[in-house]
Amino acid sequence: VLAQRDVRPANWESPAYRWSAGDVVEENHGLLLIGPSDTPVHLAVSVYDAATGELLLVGGKTFLELGVIGGRPDG
């Protein structure tokens, strides 16, 4: 883990207990990478129960990979 940020949804203004099926809560977070890297950086998001610390499953996994940044194109 290179970076981690634990926050409640919508800057603490949209707790999950208020959500209904189909609701969309938009989040924006920044990540500053300094210089190129030959090592790929995998971006992922996890959601956990704040009361228990238990990671919730997304598609059977405890994270959702958003994409990869960097790395050599030839792998």
N, C-alpha and C. Protein backbone atom coordinates (compact mmCIF):
# COMPACT_ATOMS: atom_id res chain seq x y z
N VAL A 1 0.85 -1.17 0.00
CA VAL A 1 0.00 0.00 0.00
C VAL A 1 0.90 1.23 0.00
N LEU A 2 0.77 2.04 -1.04
CA LEU A 2 1.53 3.28 -1.13
C LEU A 2 0.80 4.45 -0.48
N ALA A 3 -0.51 4.43 -0.57
CA ALA A 3 -1.31 5.51 -0.01
C ALA A 3 -2.68 4.95 0.36
N GLN A 4 -3.25 5.56 1.37
CA GLN A 4 -4.58 5.14 1.82
C GLN A 4 -5.28 6.35 2.42
N ARG A 5 -6.57 6.43 2.18
CA ARG A 5 -7.36 7.52 2.78
C ARG A 5 -8.68 6.94 3.23
N ASP A 6 -8.95 7.05 4.50
CA ASP A 6 -10.20 6.55 5.06
C ASP A 6 -11.11 7.73 5.35
N VAL A 7 -12.22 7.78 4.65
CA VAL A 7 -13.20 8.86 4.84
C VAL A 7 -14.60 8.30 4.73
N ARG A 8 -15.52 9.02 5.32
CA ARG A 8 -16.93 8.66 5.11
C ARG A 8 -17.38 9.29 3.81
N PRO A 9 -18.39 8.70 3.17
CA PRO A 9 -18.84 9.18 1.86
C PRO A 9 -19.24 10.65 1.85
N ALA A 10 -18.96 11.30 0.73
CA ALA A 10 -19.34 12.70 0.48
C ALA A 10 -18.86 13.62 1.58
N ASN A 11 -17.59 13.46 1.96
CA ASN A 11 -17.00 14.31 2.98
C ASN A 11 -17.81 14.29 4.27
N TRP A 12 -18.22 13.11 4.69
CA TRP A 12 -18.94 12.87 5.94
C TRP A 12 -20.40 13.29 5.88
N GLU A 13 -20.91 13.69 4.71
CA GLU A 13 -22.28 14.21 4.63
C GLU A 13 -23.29 13.22 4.05
N SER A 14 -22.86 12.02 3.69
CA SER A 14 -23.79 11.04 3.12
C SER A 14 -23.52 9.65 3.69
N PRO A 15 -23.88 9.42 4.95
CA PRO A 15 -23.63 8.10 5.54
C PRO A 15 -24.41 7.00 4.81
N ALA A 16 -23.78 5.87 4.72
CA ALA A 16 -24.34 4.76 3.95
C ALA A 16 -25.73 4.34 4.45
N TYR A 17 -26.03 4.52 5.72
CA TYR A 17 -27.34 4.10 6.22
C TYR A 17 -28.48 4.90 5.60
N ARG A 18 -28.16 6.03 4.97
CA ARG A 18 -29.18 6.83 4.29
C ARG A 18 -29.38 6.43 2.84
N TRP A 19 -28.53 5.57 2.32
CA TRP A 19 -28.59 5.20 0.90
C TRP A 19 -29.75 4.26 0.62
N SER A 20 -30.24 4.36 -0.60
CA SER A 20 -31.22 3.41 -1.13
C SER A 20 -30.62 2.74 -2.35
N ALA A 21 -31.16 1.61 -2.71
CA ALA A 21 -30.67 0.90 -3.92
C ALA A 21 -30.73 1.85 -5.10
N GLY A 22 -29.64 1.92 -5.84
CA GLY A 22 -29.58 2.77 -7.02
C GLY A 22 -29.04 4.16 -6.78
N ASP A 23 -28.88 4.56 -5.51
CA ASP A 23 -28.29 5.87 -5.22
C ASP A 23 -26.86 5.93 -5.73
N VAL A 24 -26.44 7.12 -6.15
CA VAL A 24 -25.07 7.34 -6.59
C VAL A 24 -24.47 8.41 -5.69
N VAL A 25 -23.32 8.10 -5.11
CA VAL A 25 -22.58 9.07 -4.29
C VAL A 25 -21.23 9.26 -4.98
N GLU A 26 -21.00 10.45 -5.50
CA GLU A 26 -19.77 10.73 -6.23
C GLU A 26 -18.66 11.15 -5.27
N GLU A 27 -17.48 10.60 -5.49
CA GLU A 27 -16.32 10.92 -4.66
C GLU A 27 -15.16 11.33 -5.57
N ASN A 28 -14.38 12.29 -5.12
CA ASN A 28 -13.16 12.70 -5.81
C ASN A 28 -12.02 12.69 -4.82
N HIS A 29 -10.95 11.98 -5.16
CA HIS A 29 -9.77 11.91 -4.32
C HIS A 29 -8.55 12.08 -5.20
N GLY A 30 -7.53 12.71 -4.69
CA GLY A 30 -6.31 12.94 -5.46
C GLY A 30 -5.19 12.01 -5.04
N LEU A 31 -4.26 11.80 -5.95
CA LEU A 31 -3.07 11.00 -5.69
C LEU A 31 -1.92 11.66 -6.44
N LEU A 32 -0.91 12.09 -5.73
CA LEU A 32 0.23 12.74 -6.35
C LEU A 32 1.34 11.72 -6.55
N LEU A 33 1.70 11.49 -7.82
CA LEU A 33 2.81 10.61 -8.16
C LEU A 33 3.94 11.47 -8.70
N ILE A 34 5.12 11.32 -8.14
CA ILE A 34 6.25 12.14 -8.55
C ILE A 34 7.18 11.30 -9.42
N GLY A 35 7.23 11.64 -10.70
CA GLY A 35 8.14 10.97 -11.63
C GLY A 35 7.59 9.66 -12.16
N PRO A 36 8.14 9.22 -13.28
CA PRO A 36 7.72 7.95 -13.89
C PRO A 36 8.22 6.76 -13.07
N SER A 37 7.59 5.64 -13.28
CA SER A 37 7.98 4.41 -12.57
C SER A 37 7.90 3.23 -13.52
N ASP A 38 8.86 2.34 -13.40
CA ASP A 38 8.81 1.08 -14.16
C ASP A 38 7.86 0.09 -13.50
N THR A 39 7.49 0.37 -12.26
CA THR A 39 6.60 -0.52 -11.52
C THR A 39 5.17 -0.01 -11.64
N PRO A 40 4.25 -0.86 -12.09
CA PRO A 40 2.86 -0.41 -12.19
C PRO A 40 2.25 -0.15 -10.81
N VAL A 41 1.41 0.88 -10.75
CA VAL A 41 0.67 1.21 -9.54
C VAL A 41 -0.79 0.86 -9.78
N HIS A 42 -1.31 -0.06 -8.99
CA HIS A 42 -2.70 -0.49 -9.12
C HIS A 42 -3.57 0.39 -8.22
N LEU A 43 -4.56 1.02 -8.82
CA LEU A 43 -5.49 1.85 -8.06
C LEU A 43 -6.71 1.01 -7.69
N ALA A 44 -7.07 1.02 -6.43
CA ALA A 44 -8.19 0.20 -5.98
C ALA A 44 -8.95 0.93 -4.88
N VAL A 45 -10.19 0.54 -4.71
CA VAL A 45 -11.02 1.10 -3.65
C VAL A 45 -11.63 -0.06 -2.86
N SER A 46 -11.72 0.15 -1.55
CA SER A 46 -12.36 -0.81 -0.67
C SER A 46 -13.40 -0.08 0.17
N VAL A 47 -14.38 -0.81 0.63
CA VAL A 47 -15.40 -0.26 1.51
C VAL A 47 -15.46 -1.19 2.72
N TYR A 48 -15.49 -0.58 3.90
CA TYR A 48 -15.56 -1.41 5.09
C TYR A 48 -16.57 -0.87 6.08
N ASP A 49 -16.98 -1.76 6.95
CA ASP A 49 -17.91 -1.40 8.02
C ASP A 49 -17.12 -0.66 9.10
N ALA A 50 -17.42 0.61 9.31
CA ALA A 50 -16.67 1.43 10.27
C ALA A 50 -16.78 0.90 11.70
N ALA A 51 -17.88 0.24 12.01
CA ALA A 51 -18.08 -0.26 13.37
C ALA A 51 -17.22 -1.49 13.65
N THR A 52 -17.02 -2.34 12.63
CA THR A 52 -16.30 -3.59 12.85
C THR A 52 -14.94 -3.64 12.17
N GLY A 53 -14.73 -2.76 11.17
CA GLY A 53 -13.49 -2.81 10.40
C GLY A 53 -13.52 -3.88 9.33
N GLU A 54 -14.63 -4.62 9.22
CA GLU A 54 -14.73 -5.70 8.24
C GLU A 54 -14.86 -5.13 6.83
N LEU A 55 -14.00 -5.63 5.91
CA LEU A 55 -14.08 -5.22 4.52
C LEU A 55 -15.31 -5.85 3.87
N LEU A 56 -16.03 -5.05 3.10
CA LEU A 56 -17.22 -5.54 2.41
C LEU A 56 -16.83 -6.07 1.04
N LEU A 57 -17.55 -7.02 0.56
CA LEU A 57 -17.23 -7.65 -0.72
C LEU A 57 -17.83 -6.88 -1.89
N VAL A 58 -17.03 -6.75 -2.95
CA VAL A 58 -17.46 -6.16 -4.21
C VAL A 58 -17.13 -7.20 -5.27
N GLY A 59 -18.15 -7.83 -5.84
CA GLY A 59 -17.89 -8.88 -6.83
C GLY A 59 -17.07 -10.03 -6.27
N GLY A 60 -17.25 -10.33 -5.00
CA GLY A 60 -16.55 -11.45 -4.38
C GLY A 60 -15.15 -11.11 -3.87
N LYS A 61 -14.70 -9.87 -4.03
CA LYS A 61 -13.39 -9.44 -3.56
C LYS A 61 -13.54 -8.32 -2.55
N THR A 62 -12.49 -8.07 -1.79
CA THR A 62 -12.52 -7.00 -0.79
C THR A 62 -12.06 -5.66 -1.36
N PHE A 63 -11.92 -5.58 -2.67
CA PHE A 63 -11.54 -4.34 -3.32
C PHE A 63 -12.05 -4.34 -4.75
N LEU A 64 -12.10 -3.15 -5.33
CA LEU A 64 -12.45 -2.99 -6.74
C LEU A 64 -11.28 -2.27 -7.40
N GLU A 65 -10.60 -2.92 -8.34
CA GLU A 65 -9.48 -2.28 -9.03
C GLU A 65 -10.03 -1.29 -10.04
N LEU A 66 -9.53 -0.06 -9.96
CA LEU A 66 -9.98 1.01 -10.84
C LEU A 66 -9.10 1.14 -12.08
N GLY A 67 -7.87 0.69 -12.00
CA GLY A 67 -6.96 0.78 -13.14
C GLY A 67 -5.52 0.69 -12.69
N VAL A 68 -4.63 0.83 -13.67
CA VAL A 68 -3.20 0.73 -13.42
C VAL A 68 -2.53 1.95 -14.03
N ILE A 69 -1.59 2.53 -13.29
CA ILE A 69 -0.83 3.68 -13.76
C ILE A 69 0.64 3.28 -13.79
N GLY A 70 1.35 3.68 -14.83
CA GLY A 70 2.79 3.46 -14.90
C GLY A 70 3.13 2.05 -15.35
N GLY A 71 4.37 1.71 -15.13
CA GLY A 71 4.87 0.42 -15.58
C GLY A 71 5.36 0.53 -17.02
N ARG A 72 6.20 -0.40 -17.39
CA ARG A 72 6.71 -0.40 -18.76
C ARG A 72 5.67 -0.98 -19.69
N PRO A 73 5.49 -0.39 -20.87
CA PRO A 73 4.49 -0.89 -21.82
C PRO A 73 4.75 -2.32 -22.25
N ASP A 74 6.02 -2.75 -22.26
CA ASP A 74 6.34 -4.11 -22.72
C ASP A 74 6.20 -5.13 -21.59
N GLY A 75 5.77 -4.66 -20.39
CA GLY A 75 5.50 -5.55 -19.27
C GLY A 75 6.72 -6.06 -18.63
